[in-house]
């Protein structure tokens, strides 16, 4: 089923992102992790994509297994990194033959240690070019990425929005945001996008914090900011790994309550291939249902109960 249809029929849509395993044993472990999410009825699961052929075959294999063996709709990521147009076309043909209906089309990050993206000879320089090629040559539902706090390489916010408009004009049918920790950044971004004529669903991307050093590294790489009060609370728990996880689950739960009660179409969770913290957040949300109009304000005002429910599900299990 195409994600564009899912987003029309299902509110909210909870989805989960994983990266492909390194070997067969990792593949079995990953499928078990994804299967543990089935009781939450995921709208879809996405699988990331390695540059230069490093995980491309496994991305396709895992995505196919999630759909075929687990019965969960799946989406494969495809990036422009180290790929000619013919390379990308070949990958997309493999994805299509695998019975996968959905693709997240990304430019991809520069190699480690570099600050600017350099396209391969005969390759694409922008995600909008990849989106356009996919939409013109294949039958996939195509998603794209967006940055509530601006793409780190964009000159400014207006330039970033113009690039996003090009991506949607090329055929992107929904957008998933980079991670963020301030809901106002998301709603401000959505407002600017609507004023710019971008009318596709914009799904907020959330990463429950489970490791202080890790989240600080991720935010530096993608240009996201950690609010000062949240940073202060993390610093206060820097010698207490389990307390960091509890803080991350509580904060993500409150953030999702705010997003859903104010109209976000769903949540896309960056899982880092571990499901317990995410399961705890989503389970509490499903119990509270803050997106229902009669409940939203009541649960925002009584958010402590939602957080307590999330923490009671033991997000420390690996």
C-alpha atoms as a PDB file:
ATOM      1  CA  UNK A   1       0.000   0.000   0.000  1.00  0.00           C
ATOM      2  CA  UNK A   2       1.264   3.456  -0.796  1.00  0.00           C
ATOM      3  CA  UNK A   3       2.096   5.719   2.128  1.00  0.00           C
ATOM      4  CA  UNK A   4       0.215   8.596   0.532  1.00  0.00           C
ATOM      5  CA  UNK A   5      -2.949   6.472   0.807  1.00  0.00           C
ATOM      6  CA  UNK A   6      -2.119   5.435   4.367  1.00  0.00           C
ATOM      7  CA  UNK A   7      -1.760   9.083   5.408  1.00  0.00           C
ATOM      8  CA  UNK A   8      -5.161   9.904   3.905  1.00  0.00           C
ATOM      9  CA  UNK A   9      -6.876   7.021   5.681  1.00  0.00           C
ATOM     10  CA  UNK A  10      -5.100   6.874   9.023  1.00  0.00           C
ATOM     11  CA  UNK A  11      -4.576   9.547  11.667  1.00  0.00           C
ATOM     12  CA  UNK A  12      -2.263   9.503  13.424  1.00  0.00           C
ATOM     13  CA  UNK A  13       0.218   7.358  11.521  1.00  0.00           C
ATOM     14  CA  UNK A  14       3.070   5.990  13.636  1.00  0.00           C
ATOM     15  CA  UNK A  15       6.130   4.883  11.668  1.00  0.00           C
ATOM     16  CA  UNK A  16       9.592   3.635  12.581  1.00  0.00           C
ATOM     17  CA  UNK A  17      13.014   3.933  10.973  1.00  0.00           C
ATOM     18  CA  UNK A  18      15.781   1.319  11.086  1.00  0.00           C
ATOM     19  CA  UNK A  19      19.179   0.924   9.464  1.00  0.00           C
ATOM     20  CA  UNK A  20      20.135  -2.299   7.657  1.00  0.00           C
ATOM     21  CA  UNK A  21      22.112  -5.014   9.481  1.00  0.00           C
ATOM     22  CA  UNK A  22      25.745  -5.855   8.840  1.00  0.00           C
ATOM     23  CA  UNK A  23      25.224  -9.607   8.479  1.00  0.00           C
ATOM     24  CA  UNK A  24      22.629 -12.394   8.555  1.00  0.00           C
ATOM     25  CA  UNK A  25      22.594 -12.595  12.343  1.00  0.00           C
ATOM     26  CA  UNK A  26      21.973  -8.868  12.491  1.00  0.00           C
ATOM     27  CA  UNK A  27      19.187  -9.279   9.972  1.00  0.00           C
ATOM     28  CA  UNK A  28      17.396 -11.826  12.135  1.00  0.00           C
ATOM     29  CA  UNK A  29      17.794  -9.591  15.184  1.00  0.00           C
ATOM     30  CA  UNK A  30      16.436  -6.610  13.292  1.00  0.00           C
ATOM     31  CA  UNK A  31      13.368  -8.492  12.095  1.00  0.00           C
ATOM     32  CA  UNK A  32      12.726  -9.578  15.691  1.00  0.00           C
ATOM     33  CA  UNK A  33      12.984  -5.948  16.808  1.00  0.00           C
ATOM     34  CA  UNK A  34      10.529  -4.853  14.122  1.00  0.00           C
ATOM     35  CA  UNK A  35       8.176  -7.723  14.959  1.00  0.00           C
ATOM     36  CA  UNK A  36       8.085  -6.517  18.575  1.00  0.00           C
ATOM     37  CA  UNK A  37       6.444  -3.342  17.260  1.00  0.00           C
ATOM     38  CA  UNK A  38       3.585  -5.184  15.546  1.00  0.00           C
ATOM     39  CA  UNK A  39       1.153  -4.830  18.480  1.00  0.00           C
ATOM     40  CA  UNK A  40       1.449  -1.057  17.988  1.00  0.00           C
ATOM     41  CA  UNK A  41       0.148  -1.482  14.404  1.00  0.00           C
ATOM     42  CA  UNK A  42       2.804   0.594  12.614  1.00  0.00           C
ATOM     43  CA  UNK A  43       1.597   2.535   9.589  1.00  0.00           C
ATOM     44  CA  UNK A  44       4.933   1.739   7.942  1.00  0.00           C
ATOM     45  CA  UNK A  45       8.592   1.012   8.636  1.00  0.00           C
ATOM     46  CA  UNK A  46      11.505   2.533   6.727  1.00  0.00           C
ATOM     47  CA  UNK A  47      15.010   1.170   6.178  1.00  0.00           C
ATOM     48  CA  UNK A  48      17.990   3.450   5.558  1.00  0.00           C
ATOM     49  CA  UNK A  49      20.513   3.087   2.774  1.00  0.00           C
ATOM     50  CA  UNK A  50      24.315   2.936   2.681  1.00  0.00           C
ATOM     51  CA  UNK A  51      26.416   4.895   0.221  1.00  0.00           C
ATOM     52  CA  UNK A  52      28.598   3.294  -2.416  1.00  0.00           C
ATOM     53  CA  UNK A  53      26.863  -0.072  -2.239  1.00  0.00           C
ATOM     54  CA  UNK A  54      27.732  -0.633   1.426  1.00  0.00           C
ATOM     55  CA  UNK A  55      24.239  -1.715   2.468  1.00  0.00           C
ATOM     56  CA  UNK A  56      22.061  -1.288  -0.603  1.00  0.00           C
ATOM     57  CA  UNK A  57      21.317  -4.969  -1.120  1.00  0.00           C
ATOM     58  CA  UNK A  58      20.551  -5.443   2.571  1.00  0.00           C
ATOM     59  CA  UNK A  59      18.282  -2.397   2.542  1.00  0.00           C
ATOM     60  CA  UNK A  60      16.193  -3.990  -0.193  1.00  0.00           C
ATOM     61  CA  UNK A  61      16.268  -7.459   1.384  1.00  0.00           C
ATOM     62  CA  UNK A  62      15.250  -6.217   4.837  1.00  0.00           C
ATOM     63  CA  UNK A  63      12.551  -3.920   3.464  1.00  0.00           C
ATOM     64  CA  UNK A  64      11.123  -6.800   1.442  1.00  0.00           C
ATOM     65  CA  UNK A  65      11.192  -9.127   4.476  1.00  0.00           C
ATOM     66  CA  UNK A  66       9.415  -6.605   6.675  1.00  0.00           C
ATOM     67  CA  UNK A  67       6.606  -6.354   4.153  1.00  0.00           C
ATOM     68  CA  UNK A  68       6.436  -9.997   3.077  1.00  0.00           C
ATOM     69  CA  UNK A  69       7.204 -11.864   6.300  1.00  0.00           C
ATOM     70  CA  UNK A  70       5.905  -9.474   8.959  1.00  0.00           C
ATOM     71  CA  UNK A  71       2.981  -7.977   7.037  1.00  0.00           C
ATOM     72  CA  UNK A  72       4.043  -4.388   7.780  1.00  0.00           C
ATOM     73  CA  UNK A  73       4.137  -1.790   5.027  1.00  0.00           C
ATOM     74  CA  UNK A  74       7.746  -0.839   4.300  1.00  0.00           C
ATOM     75  CA  UNK A  75       9.705   1.939   2.613  1.00  0.00           C
ATOM     76  CA  UNK A  76      13.251   1.793   1.235  1.00  0.00           C
ATOM     77  CA  UNK A  77      15.549   4.804   1.404  1.00  0.00           C
ATOM     78  CA  UNK A  78      17.539   5.693  -1.721  1.00  0.00           C
ATOM     79  CA  UNK A  79      20.269   8.340  -1.830  1.00  0.00           C
ATOM     80  CA  UNK A  80      22.310  10.014  -4.544  1.00  0.00           C
ATOM     81  CA  UNK A  81      25.640   9.422  -2.788  1.00  0.00           C
ATOM     82  CA  UNK A  82      28.365   7.891  -4.998  1.00  0.00           C
ATOM     83  CA  UNK A  83      25.797   6.925  -7.646  1.00  0.00           C
ATOM     84  CA  UNK A  84      25.300   7.749 -11.293  1.00  0.00           C
ATOM     85  CA  UNK A  85      21.807   8.131 -12.658  1.00  0.00           C
ATOM     86  CA  UNK A  86      22.128   4.686 -14.208  1.00  0.00           C
ATOM     87  CA  UNK A  87      23.193   3.258 -10.830  1.00  0.00           C
ATOM     88  CA  UNK A  88      20.120   4.761  -9.205  1.00  0.00           C
ATOM     89  CA  UNK A  89      17.864   3.505 -11.950  1.00  0.00           C
ATOM     90  CA  UNK A  90      19.235  -0.024 -11.447  1.00  0.00           C
ATOM     91  CA  UNK A  91      18.671   0.159  -7.684  1.00  0.00           C
ATOM     92  CA  UNK A  92      15.110   1.377  -8.176  1.00  0.00           C
ATOM     93  CA  UNK A  93      14.429  -1.443 -10.607  1.00  0.00           C
ATOM     94  CA  UNK A  94      15.573  -3.902  -7.917  1.00  0.00           C
ATOM     95  CA  UNK A  95      13.307  -2.199  -5.374  1.00  0.00           C
ATOM     96  CA  UNK A  96      10.372  -2.389  -7.768  1.00  0.00           C
ATOM     97  CA  UNK A  97      10.963  -6.084  -8.504  1.00  0.00           C
ATOM     98  CA  UNK A  98      10.944  -6.713  -4.755  1.00  0.00           C
ATOM     99  CA  UNK A  99       7.320  -5.579  -4.525  1.00  0.00           C
ATOM    100  CA  UNK A 100       8.088  -2.446  -2.507  1.00  0.00           C
ATOM    101  CA  UNK A 101       5.694   0.443  -3.178  1.00  0.00           C
ATOM    102  CA  UNK A 102       7.374   3.275  -1.264  1.00  0.00           C
ATOM    103  CA  UNK A 103      10.706   5.072  -1.529  1.00  0.00           C
ATOM    104  CA  UNK A 104      12.233   7.898   0.496  1.00  0.00           C
ATOM    105  CA  UNK A 105      14.340   9.880  -1.985  1.00  0.00           C
ATOM    106  CA  UNK A 106      17.312  11.637  -0.387  1.00  0.00           C
ATOM    107  CA  UNK A 107      20.393  13.442  -1.600  1.00  0.00           C
ATOM    108  CA  UNK A 108      22.436  11.926   1.220  1.00  0.00           C
ATOM    109  CA  UNK A 109      25.128  13.296   3.506  1.00  0.00           C
ATOM    110  CA  UNK A 110      28.663  14.298   2.520  1.00  0.00           C
ATOM    111  CA  UNK A 111      31.369  11.749   3.367  1.00  0.00           C
ATOM    112  CA  UNK A 112      32.639  11.902   6.927  1.00  0.00           C
ATOM    113  CA  UNK A 113      35.063  14.780   7.359  1.00  0.00           C
ATOM    114  CA  UNK A 114      33.604  16.793   4.468  1.00  0.00           C
ATOM    115  CA  UNK A 115      31.161  19.672   4.794  1.00  0.00           C
ATOM    116  CA  UNK A 116      29.865  19.886   1.220  1.00  0.00           C
ATOM    117  CA  UNK A 117      28.163  17.275  -0.929  1.00  0.00           C
ATOM    118  CA  UNK A 118      29.842  16.486  -4.245  1.00  0.00           C
ATOM    119  CA  UNK A 119      27.741  14.481  -6.707  1.00  0.00           C
ATOM    120  CA  UNK A 120      29.200  11.529  -8.548  1.00  0.00           C
ATOM    121  CA  UNK A 121      30.092  12.086 -12.197  1.00  0.00           C
ATOM    122  CA  UNK A 122      26.841  11.470 -14.010  1.00  0.00           C
ATOM    123  CA  UNK A 123      24.874  11.634 -10.768  1.00  0.00           C
ATOM    124  CA  UNK A 124      22.370  13.969  -9.151  1.00  0.00           C
ATOM    125  CA  UNK A 125      23.319  16.954  -7.013  1.00  0.00           C
ATOM    126  CA  UNK A 126      19.886  17.438  -5.420  1.00  0.00           C
ATOM    127  CA  UNK A 127      17.150  15.241  -4.009  1.00  0.00           C
ATOM    128  CA  UNK A 128      14.611  17.039  -6.193  1.00  0.00           C
ATOM    129  CA  UNK A 129      16.330  15.562  -9.263  1.00  0.00           C
ATOM    130  CA  UNK A 130      16.069  12.066  -7.833  1.00  0.00           C
ATOM    131  CA  UNK A 131      12.406  12.626  -6.922  1.00  0.00           C
ATOM    132  CA  UNK A 132      11.673  13.811 -10.462  1.00  0.00           C
ATOM    133  CA  UNK A 133      13.340  10.804 -12.057  1.00  0.00           C
ATOM    134  CA  UNK A 134      11.500   8.350  -9.801  1.00  0.00           C
ATOM    135  CA  UNK A 135       8.129   9.942 -10.421  1.00  0.00           C
ATOM    136  CA  UNK A 136       8.634  10.028 -14.188  1.00  0.00           C
ATOM    137  CA  UNK A 137       9.965   6.482 -14.574  1.00  0.00           C
ATOM    138  CA  UNK A 138       8.507   4.409 -11.718  1.00  0.00           C
ATOM    139  CA  UNK A 139       5.223   3.874  -9.914  1.00  0.00           C
ATOM    140  CA  UNK A 140       6.488   4.365  -6.374  1.00  0.00           C
ATOM    141  CA  UNK A 141       4.987   6.620  -3.769  1.00  0.00           C
ATOM    142  CA  UNK A 142       7.881   9.013  -3.095  1.00  0.00           C
ATOM    143  CA  UNK A 143       8.666  10.794   0.154  1.00  0.00           C
ATOM    144  CA  UNK A 144      11.262  13.426   0.941  1.00  0.00           C
ATOM    145  CA  UNK A 145      13.101  14.889   3.908  1.00  0.00           C
ATOM    146  CA  UNK A 146      12.802  18.363   5.414  1.00  0.00           C
ATOM    147  CA  UNK A 147      14.482  20.349   8.185  1.00  0.00           C
ATOM    148  CA  UNK A 148      12.392  22.364  10.670  1.00  0.00           C
ATOM    149  CA  UNK A 149      15.528  24.243  11.752  1.00  0.00           C
ATOM    150  CA  UNK A 150      16.931  24.622   8.221  1.00  0.00           C
ATOM    151  CA  UNK A 151      19.168  22.286   6.272  1.00  0.00           C
ATOM    152  CA  UNK A 152      22.712  22.790   7.598  1.00  0.00           C
ATOM    153  CA  UNK A 153      23.973  23.641   4.100  1.00  0.00           C
ATOM    154  CA  UNK A 154      21.186  26.092   3.221  1.00  0.00           C
ATOM    155  CA  UNK A 155      22.131  29.767   3.048  1.00  0.00           C
ATOM    156  CA  UNK A 156      19.053  30.760   5.034  1.00  0.00           C
ATOM    157  CA  UNK A 157      15.501  29.634   5.811  1.00  0.00           C
ATOM    158  CA  UNK A 158      13.940  31.154   2.638  1.00  0.00           C
ATOM    159  CA  UNK A 159      16.527  29.402   0.459  1.00  0.00           C
ATOM    160  CA  UNK A 160      15.843  26.143   2.280  1.00  0.00           C
ATOM    161  CA  UNK A 161      12.104  26.536   1.686  1.00  0.00           C
ATOM    162  CA  UNK A 162      12.658  27.226  -2.021  1.00  0.00           C
ATOM    163  CA  UNK A 163      14.642  23.989  -2.293  1.00  0.00           C
ATOM    164  CA  UNK A 164      11.871  22.120  -0.507  1.00  0.00           C
ATOM    165  CA  UNK A 165       9.283  23.579  -2.879  1.00  0.00           C
ATOM    166  CA  UNK A 166      11.335  22.268  -5.796  1.00  0.00           C
ATOM    167  CA  UNK A 167      11.329  18.811  -4.238  1.00  0.00           C
ATOM    168  CA  UNK A 168       7.545  18.828  -3.824  1.00  0.00           C
ATOM    169  CA  UNK A 169       7.036  20.273  -7.306  1.00  0.00           C
ATOM    170  CA  UNK A 170       9.157  17.396  -8.638  1.00  0.00           C
ATOM    171  CA  UNK A 171       6.678  14.927  -7.123  1.00  0.00           C
ATOM    172  CA  UNK A 172       7.377  14.287  -3.416  1.00  0.00           C
ATOM    173  CA  UNK A 173       4.043  13.153  -1.943  1.00  0.00           C
ATOM    174  CA  UNK A 174       4.874  13.479   1.756  1.00  0.00           C
ATOM    175  CA  UNK A 175       7.723  14.792   3.889  1.00  0.00           C
ATOM    176  CA  UNK A 176       9.438  13.517   7.041  1.00  0.00           C
ATOM    177  CA  UNK A 177      11.307  16.000   9.184  1.00  0.00           C
ATOM    178  CA  UNK A 178      14.751  15.690  10.635  1.00  0.00           C
ATOM    179  CA  UNK A 179      14.743  15.171  14.399  1.00  0.00           C
ATOM    180  CA  UNK A 180      13.967  18.193  16.601  1.00  0.00           C
ATOM    181  CA  UNK A 181      13.206  18.848  20.265  1.00  0.00           C
ATOM    182  CA  UNK A 182      11.122  22.018  20.176  1.00  0.00           C
ATOM    183  CA  UNK A 183       7.580  21.555  18.883  1.00  0.00           C
ATOM    184  CA  UNK A 184       7.357  25.234  17.992  1.00  0.00           C
ATOM    185  CA  UNK A 185      10.116  24.668  15.442  1.00  0.00           C
ATOM    186  CA  UNK A 186       7.885  22.092  13.737  1.00  0.00           C
ATOM    187  CA  UNK A 187       4.696  24.142  13.760  1.00  0.00           C
ATOM    188  CA  UNK A 188       6.515  27.281  12.630  1.00  0.00           C
ATOM    189  CA  UNK A 189       8.073  25.312   9.788  1.00  0.00           C
ATOM    190  CA  UNK A 190       4.735  23.808   8.733  1.00  0.00           C
ATOM    191  CA  UNK A 191       3.184  27.284   8.699  1.00  0.00           C
ATOM    192  CA  UNK A 192       5.959  28.606   6.441  1.00  0.00           C
ATOM    193  CA  UNK A 193       5.634  25.587   4.165  1.00  0.00           C
ATOM    194  CA  UNK A 194       1.885  26.081   3.778  1.00  0.00           C
ATOM    195  CA  UNK A 195       2.375  29.756   2.961  1.00  0.00           C
ATOM    196  CA  UNK A 196       4.905  28.689   0.323  1.00  0.00           C
ATOM    197  CA  UNK A 197       2.247  26.471  -1.297  1.00  0.00           C
ATOM    198  CA  UNK A 198       3.549  23.143   0.010  1.00  0.00           C
ATOM    199  CA  UNK A 199       0.437  21.132   0.843  1.00  0.00           C
ATOM    200  CA  UNK A 200       1.709  17.551   1.279  1.00  0.00           C
ATOM    201  CA  UNK A 201       1.668  15.856   4.725  1.00  0.00           C
ATOM    202  CA  UNK A 202       4.648  16.791   6.899  1.00  0.00           C
ATOM    203  CA  UNK A 203       5.405  14.062   9.458  1.00  0.00           C
ATOM    204  CA  UNK A 204       7.482  15.099  12.478  1.00  0.00           C
ATOM    205  CA  UNK A 205      10.547  12.942  13.115  1.00  0.00           C
ATOM    206  CA  UNK A 206      11.262  12.166  16.766  1.00  0.00           C
ATOM    207  CA  UNK A 207      14.246  10.421  18.356  1.00  0.00           C
ATOM    208  CA  UNK A 208      13.804   9.461  22.008  1.00  0.00           C
ATOM    209  CA  UNK A 209      17.096  10.237  23.744  1.00  0.00           C
ATOM    210  CA  UNK A 210      18.828   7.120  25.069  1.00  0.00           C
ATOM    211  CA  UNK A 211      22.465   8.285  25.112  1.00  0.00           C
ATOM    212  CA  UNK A 212      23.741  11.807  25.831  1.00  0.00           C
ATOM    213  CA  UNK A 213      26.934  11.710  23.744  1.00  0.00           C
ATOM    214  CA  UNK A 214      25.120  10.083  20.847  1.00  0.00           C
ATOM    215  CA  UNK A 215      22.316  12.640  20.662  1.00  0.00           C
ATOM    216  CA  UNK A 216      24.774  15.529  20.915  1.00  0.00           C
ATOM    217  CA  UNK A 217      26.712  14.071  17.971  1.00  0.00           C
ATOM    218  CA  UNK A 218      23.563  13.574  15.883  1.00  0.00           C
ATOM    219  CA  UNK A 219      22.312  17.102  16.478  1.00  0.00           C
ATOM    220  CA  UNK A 220      25.673  18.578  15.483  1.00  0.00           C
ATOM    221  CA  UNK A 221      25.564  16.622  12.233  1.00  0.00           C
ATOM    222  CA  UNK A 222      22.019  17.561  11.211  1.00  0.00           C
ATOM    223  CA  UNK A 223      21.820  21.120  12.541  1.00  0.00           C
ATOM    224  CA  UNK A 224      19.165  20.415  15.177  1.00  0.00           C
ATOM    225  CA  UNK A 225      19.308  22.181  18.535  1.00  0.00           C
ATOM    226  CA  UNK A 226      18.771  20.836  22.022  1.00  0.00           C
ATOM    227  CA  UNK A 227      16.788  23.317  24.161  1.00  0.00           C
ATOM    228  CA  UNK A 228      18.882  24.667  27.063  1.00  0.00           C
ATOM    229  CA  UNK A 229      16.623  23.221  29.754  1.00  0.00           C
ATOM    230  CA  UNK A 230      16.725  19.766  28.188  1.00  0.00           C
ATOM    231  CA  UNK A 231      20.509  19.999  27.843  1.00  0.00           C
ATOM    232  CA  UNK A 232      20.755  21.005  31.508  1.00  0.00           C
ATOM    233  CA  UNK A 233      18.680  17.993  32.565  1.00  0.00           C
ATOM    234  CA  UNK A 234      20.872  15.687  30.476  1.00  0.00           C
ATOM    235  CA  UNK A 235      24.033  17.140  31.973  1.00  0.00           C
ATOM    236  CA  UNK A 236      22.646  16.605  35.474  1.00  0.00           C
ATOM    237  CA  UNK A 237      22.249  12.881  34.643  1.00  0.00           C
ATOM    238  CA  UNK A 238      25.483  12.434  32.680  1.00  0.00           C
ATOM    239  CA  UNK A 239      26.738   9.704  35.045  1.00  0.00           C
ATOM    240  CA  UNK A 240      23.359   7.925  35.144  1.00  0.00           C
ATOM    241  CA  UNK A 241      22.671   6.105  31.834  1.00  0.00           C
ATOM    242  CA  UNK A 242      19.270   4.751  32.919  1.00  0.00           C
ATOM    243  CA  UNK A 243      18.190   8.199  34.100  1.00  0.00           C
ATOM    244  CA  UNK A 244      19.077   9.556  30.641  1.00  0.00           C
ATOM    245  CA  UNK A 245      16.769   6.939  29.079  1.00  0.00           C
ATOM    246  CA  UNK A 246      13.961   7.837  31.480  1.00  0.00           C
ATOM    247  CA  UNK A 247      14.408  11.516  30.654  1.00  0.00           C
ATOM    248  CA  UNK A 248      14.420  10.742  26.928  1.00  0.00           C
ATOM    249  CA  UNK A 249      11.234   8.680  27.101  1.00  0.00           C
ATOM    250  CA  UNK A 250       9.461  11.276  29.233  1.00  0.00           C
ATOM    251  CA  UNK A 251      10.504  14.166  27.007  1.00  0.00           C
ATOM    252  CA  UNK A 252       9.610  12.354  23.764  1.00  0.00           C
ATOM    253  CA  UNK A 253       6.221  11.368  25.182  1.00  0.00           C
ATOM    254  CA  UNK A 254       5.384  14.949  26.162  1.00  0.00           C
ATOM    255  CA  UNK A 255       6.629  16.216  22.806  1.00  0.00           C
ATOM    256  CA  UNK A 256       4.461  13.723  20.911  1.00  0.00           C
ATOM    257  CA  UNK A 257       1.413  14.601  23.044  1.00  0.00           C
ATOM    258  CA  UNK A 258       1.892  18.249  22.078  1.00  0.00           C
ATOM    259  CA  UNK A 259       2.432  17.482  18.398  1.00  0.00           C
ATOM    260  CA  UNK A 260      -0.538  15.139  18.057  1.00  0.00           C
ATOM    261  CA  UNK A 261      -2.958  17.248  20.095  1.00  0.00           C
ATOM    262  CA  UNK A 262      -2.147  20.179  17.796  1.00  0.00           C
ATOM    263  CA  UNK A 263      -2.756  18.322  14.550  1.00  0.00           C
ATOM    264  CA  UNK A 264       0.445  16.579  13.432  1.00  0.00           C
ATOM    265  CA  UNK A 265      -0.495  13.749  11.021  1.00  0.00           C
ATOM    266  CA  UNK A 266       1.601  11.192  12.886  1.00  0.00           C
ATOM    267  CA  UNK A 267       5.086  10.580  14.258  1.00  0.00           C
ATOM    268  CA  UNK A 268       8.105   9.016  12.548  1.00  0.00           C
ATOM    269  CA  UNK A 269      10.414   7.508  15.182  1.00  0.00           C
ATOM    270  CA  UNK A 270      14.160   7.246  14.667  1.00  0.00           C
ATOM    271  CA  UNK A 271      14.751   4.016  16.589  1.00  0.00           C
ATOM    272  CA  UNK A 272      18.501   3.401  16.141  1.00  0.00           C
ATOM    273  CA  UNK A 273      17.466  -0.256  15.718  1.00  0.00           C
ATOM    274  CA  UNK A 274      16.245  -0.521  19.309  1.00  0.00           C
ATOM    275  CA  UNK A 275      12.558  -0.668  20.065  1.00  0.00           C
ATOM    276  CA  UNK A 276      12.022  -0.491  23.874  1.00  0.00           C
ATOM    277  CA  UNK A 277      12.118   3.303  24.313  1.00  0.00           C
ATOM    278  CA  UNK A 278       9.976   3.835  21.229  1.00  0.00           C
ATOM    279  CA  UNK A 279       7.526   1.119  22.286  1.00  0.00           C
ATOM    280  CA  UNK A 280       7.161   2.810  25.655  1.00  0.00           C
ATOM    281  CA  UNK A 281       6.373   6.180  24.068  1.00  0.00           C
ATOM    282  CA  UNK A 282       3.892   4.836  21.511  1.00  0.00           C
ATOM    283  CA  UNK A 283       2.155   2.549  23.998  1.00  0.00           C
ATOM    284  CA  UNK A 284       1.515   5.511  26.305  1.00  0.00           C
ATOM    285  CA  UNK A 285       0.241   7.578  23.391  1.00  0.00           C
ATOM    286  CA  UNK A 286      -2.156   4.854  22.288  1.00  0.00           C
ATOM    287  CA  UNK A 287      -3.499   4.628  25.823  1.00  0.00           C
ATOM    288  CA  UNK A 288      -3.934   8.405  26.136  1.00  0.00           C
ATOM    289  CA  UNK A 289      -5.018   9.205  22.522  1.00  0.00           C
ATOM    290  CA  UNK A 290      -4.247  12.936  22.789  1.00  0.00           C
ATOM    291  CA  UNK A 291      -5.190  13.460  19.128  1.00  0.00           C
ATOM    292  CA  UNK A 292      -8.885  12.991  19.911  1.00  0.00           C
ATOM    293  CA  UNK A 293     -10.439  16.478  20.331  1.00  0.00           C
ATOM    294  CA  UNK A 294     -12.280  15.588  23.525  1.00  0.00           C
ATOM    295  CA  UNK A 295      -9.081  14.263  25.075  1.00  0.00           C
ATOM    296  CA  UNK A 296      -6.274  16.424  23.741  1.00  0.00           C
ATOM    297  CA  UNK A 297      -6.420  19.346  26.158  1.00  0.00           C
ATOM    298  CA  UNK A 298      -7.199  17.084  29.110  1.00  0.00           C
ATOM    299  CA  UNK A 299      -4.100  14.982  28.467  1.00  0.00           C
ATOM    300  CA  UNK A 300      -1.862  17.957  27.850  1.00  0.00           C
ATOM    301  CA  UNK A 301      -2.961  19.288  31.232  1.00  0.00           C
ATOM    302  CA  UNK A 302      -2.419  15.877  32.889  1.00  0.00           C
ATOM    303  CA  UNK A 303       0.720  14.834  31.027  1.00  0.00           C
ATOM    304  CA  UNK A 304       2.379  13.382  34.140  1.00  0.00           C
ATOM    305  CA  UNK A 305       0.078  10.369  33.935  1.00  0.00           C
ATOM    306  CA  UNK A 306       1.109   9.717  30.327  1.00  0.00           C
ATOM    307  CA  UNK A 307       4.793   9.932  31.194  1.00  0.00           C
ATOM    308  CA  UNK A 308       4.316   7.589  34.151  1.00  0.00           C
ATOM    309  CA  UNK A 309       2.616   5.089  31.862  1.00  0.00           C
ATOM    310  CA  UNK A 310       5.517   5.269  29.381  1.00  0.00           C
ATOM    311  CA  UNK A 311       8.172   4.771  32.045  1.00  0.00           C
ATOM    312  CA  UNK A 312       6.294   1.819  33.551  1.00  0.00           C
ATOM    313  CA  UNK A 313       6.929  -0.129  30.317  1.00  0.00           C
ATOM    314  CA  UNK A 314      10.681  -0.403  31.122  1.00  0.00           C
ATOM    315  CA  UNK A 315      12.436   1.270  28.180  1.00  0.00           C
ATOM    316  CA  UNK A 316      15.834   0.026  29.409  1.00  0.00           C
ATOM    317  CA  UNK A 317      15.455  -3.462  27.962  1.00  0.00           C
ATOM    318  CA  UNK A 318      17.735  -3.787  24.926  1.00  0.00           C
END
